[in-house]
Amino acid sequence: MSTERWIRLIAGIFIIVSVGLSYFQSRYWLLFTLFVGLNLFQSALTRWCLMEDILRRFGVGGQGQLRAPSDPARARP
């Protein structure tokens, strides 16, 4: 799965969970929904996304494929 699709999936999950929490717990959880929306807006304008950096650190490559630590393509000659 591509990095962009991971970001969309995570953002969608965050929004669904925060809307659910705002319904059952406190309406202040909608501030988290606003935060996610503002981050999506900011990343569209600046082409920088913190979640993309986090996913890269966890091994989601530029092509979006998860790389195993023993991947021969990552081995140094």
N, C-alpha and C. Protein backbone atom coordinates (compact mmCIF):
# COMPACT_ATOMS: atom_id res chain seq x y z
N MET A 1 0.85 -1.16 0.00
CA MET A 1 0.00 0.00 0.00
C MET A 1 0.91 1.24 0.00
N SER A 2 0.53 2.24 -0.73
CA SER A 2 1.34 3.45 -0.84
C SER A 2 1.26 4.28 0.44
N THR A 3 2.25 5.13 0.62
CA THR A 3 2.29 6.01 1.80
C THR A 3 1.06 6.90 1.83
N GLU A 4 0.66 7.40 0.68
CA GLU A 4 -0.52 8.28 0.61
C GLU A 4 -1.77 7.54 1.08
N ARG A 5 -1.90 6.30 0.69
CA ARG A 5 -3.07 5.52 1.11
C ARG A 5 -3.03 5.23 2.60
N TRP A 6 -1.84 4.97 3.16
CA TRP A 6 -1.71 4.78 4.60
C TRP A 6 -2.15 6.03 5.34
N ILE A 7 -1.72 7.20 4.84
CA ILE A 7 -2.07 8.46 5.49
C ILE A 7 -3.58 8.67 5.45
N ARG A 8 -4.20 8.40 4.32
CA ARG A 8 -5.66 8.53 4.23
C ARG A 8 -6.37 7.58 5.17
N LEU A 9 -5.87 6.34 5.27
CA LEU A 9 -6.47 5.35 6.16
C LEU A 9 -6.37 5.80 7.61
N ILE A 10 -5.19 6.23 8.02
CA ILE A 10 -4.98 6.67 9.40
C ILE A 10 -5.82 7.90 9.72
N ALA A 11 -5.85 8.86 8.81
CA ALA A 11 -6.66 10.07 9.03
C ALA A 11 -8.14 9.70 9.16
N GLY A 12 -8.61 8.80 8.31
CA GLY A 12 -10.00 8.36 8.39
C GLY A 12 -10.32 7.69 9.70
N ILE A 13 -9.42 6.83 10.16
CA ILE A 13 -9.62 6.15 11.45
C ILE A 13 -9.65 7.17 12.58
N PHE A 14 -8.70 8.13 12.57
CA PHE A 14 -8.69 9.17 13.60
C PHE A 14 -10.00 9.94 13.63
N ILE A 15 -10.52 10.29 12.47
CA ILE A 15 -11.76 11.07 12.40
C ILE A 15 -12.95 10.25 12.91
N ILE A 16 -13.05 8.99 12.48
CA ILE A 16 -14.16 8.15 12.93
C ILE A 16 -14.12 7.95 14.44
N VAL A 17 -12.93 7.68 14.96
CA VAL A 17 -12.80 7.46 16.41
C VAL A 17 -13.12 8.74 17.19
N SER A 18 -12.63 9.88 16.72
CA SER A 18 -12.88 11.12 17.45
C SER A 18 -14.35 11.54 17.39
N VAL A 19 -15.02 11.28 16.27
CA VAL A 19 -16.45 11.59 16.20
C VAL A 19 -17.23 10.67 17.13
N GLY A 20 -16.84 9.40 17.17
CA GLY A 20 -17.49 8.46 18.09
C GLY A 20 -17.28 8.86 19.55
N LEU A 21 -16.05 9.24 19.87
CA LEU A 21 -15.77 9.67 21.24
C LEU A 21 -16.51 10.96 21.59
N SER A 22 -16.67 11.84 20.62
CA SER A 22 -17.40 13.08 20.90
C SER A 22 -18.88 12.80 21.15
N TYR A 23 -19.40 11.77 20.52
CA TYR A 23 -20.81 11.42 20.71
C TYR A 23 -21.02 10.76 22.08
N PHE A 24 -20.12 9.84 22.45
CA PHE A 24 -20.30 9.07 23.68
C PHE A 24 -19.63 9.67 24.91
N GLN A 25 -18.58 10.48 24.75
CA GLN A 25 -17.84 10.99 25.89
C GLN A 25 -18.01 12.50 26.07
N SER A 26 -17.34 13.25 25.19
CA SER A 26 -17.34 14.70 25.33
C SER A 26 -17.23 15.33 23.95
N ARG A 27 -17.91 16.42 23.74
CA ARG A 27 -17.86 17.08 22.44
C ARG A 27 -16.49 17.70 22.17
N TYR A 28 -15.66 17.79 23.19
CA TYR A 28 -14.31 18.34 23.00
C TYR A 28 -13.43 17.44 22.14
N TRP A 29 -13.83 16.18 21.95
CA TRP A 29 -13.10 15.30 21.03
C TRP A 29 -13.18 15.80 19.60
N LEU A 30 -14.15 16.66 19.30
CA LEU A 30 -14.23 17.24 17.96
C LEU A 30 -13.04 18.14 17.67
N LEU A 31 -12.36 18.62 18.70
CA LEU A 31 -11.14 19.39 18.50
C LEU A 31 -10.05 18.52 17.86
N PHE A 32 -10.04 17.24 18.20
CA PHE A 32 -9.09 16.32 17.56
C PHE A 32 -9.43 16.16 16.08
N THR A 33 -10.72 16.09 15.76
CA THR A 33 -11.15 16.02 14.36
C THR A 33 -10.70 17.27 13.62
N LEU A 34 -10.85 18.42 14.24
CA LEU A 34 -10.38 19.67 13.66
C LEU A 34 -8.87 19.65 13.44
N PHE A 35 -8.12 19.12 14.40
CA PHE A 35 -6.67 19.01 14.29
C PHE A 35 -6.27 18.15 13.09
N VAL A 36 -6.94 17.02 12.91
CA VAL A 36 -6.64 16.15 11.77
C VAL A 36 -6.94 16.87 10.46
N GLY A 37 -8.07 17.55 10.39
CA GLY A 37 -8.43 18.30 9.19
C GLY A 37 -7.44 19.41 8.88
N LEU A 38 -7.01 20.12 9.90
CA LEU A 38 -6.02 21.19 9.68
C LEU A 38 -4.69 20.62 9.22
N ASN A 39 -4.30 19.47 9.74
CA ASN A 39 -3.06 18.83 9.28
C ASN A 39 -3.16 18.40 7.83
N LEU A 40 -4.30 17.88 7.42
CA LEU A 40 -4.49 17.50 6.02
C LEU A 40 -4.43 18.74 5.12
N PHE A 41 -5.05 19.83 5.56
CA PHE A 41 -5.03 21.08 4.81
C PHE A 41 -3.61 21.62 4.68
N GLN A 42 -2.89 21.64 5.80
CA GLN A 42 -1.51 22.14 5.82
C GLN A 42 -0.61 21.30 4.93
N SER A 43 -0.76 19.97 4.97
CA SER A 43 0.10 19.11 4.16
C SER A 43 -0.18 19.27 2.67
N ALA A 44 -1.41 19.59 2.32
CA ALA A 44 -1.72 19.83 0.91
C ALA A 44 -1.05 21.10 0.40
N LEU A 45 -0.92 22.10 1.26
CA LEU A 45 -0.31 23.37 0.85
C LEU A 45 1.21 23.34 0.89
N THR A 46 1.78 22.65 1.88
CA THR A 46 3.23 22.71 2.08
C THR A 46 3.97 21.48 1.58
N ARG A 47 3.25 20.42 1.24
CA ARG A 47 3.84 19.15 0.82
C ARG A 47 4.68 18.51 1.91
N TRP A 48 4.41 18.81 3.17
CA TRP A 48 5.08 18.17 4.30
C TRP A 48 4.02 17.60 5.23
N CYS A 49 4.22 16.36 5.62
CA CYS A 49 3.27 15.69 6.50
C CYS A 49 4.04 14.92 7.56
N LEU A 50 3.78 15.20 8.82
CA LEU A 50 4.45 14.53 9.91
C LEU A 50 4.17 13.03 9.87
N MET A 51 2.94 12.63 9.55
CA MET A 51 2.60 11.22 9.50
C MET A 51 3.42 10.50 8.44
N GLU A 52 3.71 11.16 7.34
CA GLU A 52 4.54 10.57 6.30
C GLU A 52 5.95 10.30 6.83
N ASP A 53 6.50 11.23 7.60
CA ASP A 53 7.81 11.04 8.21
C ASP A 53 7.78 9.87 9.20
N ILE A 54 6.71 9.77 9.98
CA ILE A 54 6.58 8.68 10.95
C ILE A 54 6.48 7.34 10.23
N LEU A 55 5.70 7.28 9.16
CA LEU A 55 5.56 6.03 8.42
C LEU A 55 6.89 5.61 7.80
N ARG A 56 7.66 6.56 7.30
CA ARG A 56 8.98 6.24 6.75
C ARG A 56 9.88 5.62 7.81
N ARG A 57 9.82 6.14 9.03
CA ARG A 57 10.63 5.58 10.11
C ARG A 57 10.22 4.15 10.46
N PHE A 58 8.95 3.82 10.20
CA PHE A 58 8.47 2.46 10.45
C PHE A 58 8.65 1.55 9.25
N GLY A 59 9.26 2.06 8.19
CA GLY A 59 9.61 1.20 7.06
C GLY A 59 8.69 1.25 5.86
N VAL A 60 7.75 2.17 5.84
CA VAL A 60 6.92 2.31 4.65
C VAL A 60 7.72 3.14 3.66
N GLY A 61 8.12 2.53 2.55
CA GLY A 61 9.02 3.18 1.59
C GLY A 61 8.31 4.18 0.70
N GLY A 62 9.07 4.81 -0.17
CA GLY A 62 8.54 5.78 -1.11
C GLY A 62 7.51 5.19 -2.05
N GLN A 63 7.69 3.93 -2.39
CA GLN A 63 6.72 3.26 -3.24
C GLN A 63 5.54 2.73 -2.43
N GLY A 64 5.65 2.83 -1.12
CA GLY A 64 4.55 2.43 -0.26
C GLY A 64 4.62 0.99 0.18
N GLN A 65 5.65 0.26 -0.17
CA GLN A 65 5.77 -1.13 0.23
C GLN A 65 6.49 -1.22 1.56
N LEU A 66 6.00 -2.08 2.42
CA LEU A 66 6.69 -2.30 3.68
C LEU A 66 7.97 -3.06 3.39
N ARG A 67 9.06 -2.61 3.97
CA ARG A 67 10.35 -3.25 3.72
C ARG A 67 10.74 -4.06 4.95
N ALA A 68 11.08 -5.29 4.72
CA ALA A 68 11.58 -6.12 5.80
C ALA A 68 13.04 -5.76 6.07
N PRO A 69 13.50 -5.90 7.30
CA PRO A 69 14.90 -5.58 7.60
C PRO A 69 15.89 -6.41 6.80
N SER A 70 15.50 -7.61 6.37
CA SER A 70 16.39 -8.46 5.61
C SER A 70 16.21 -8.30 4.10
N ASP A 71 15.56 -7.23 3.67
CA ASP A 71 15.32 -6.98 2.25
C ASP A 71 16.65 -6.79 1.52
N PRO A 72 16.96 -7.62 0.51
CA PRO A 72 18.24 -7.49 -0.19
C PRO A 72 18.40 -6.15 -0.90
N ALA A 73 17.33 -5.49 -1.24
CA ALA A 73 17.43 -4.19 -1.92
C ALA A 73 18.01 -3.14 -0.98
N ARG A 74 17.89 -3.36 0.32
CA ARG A 74 18.41 -2.40 1.29
C ARG A 74 19.82 -2.73 1.74
N ALA A 75 20.30 -3.91 1.37
CA ALA A 75 21.64 -4.33 1.78
C ALA A 75 22.70 -3.48 1.11
N ARG A 76 23.76 -3.19 1.85
CA ARG A 76 24.84 -2.38 1.31
C ARG A 76 25.83 -3.28 0.58
N PRO A 77 26.37 -2.80 -0.53
CA PRO A 77 27.34 -3.64 -1.27
C PRO A 77 28.67 -3.74 -0.56
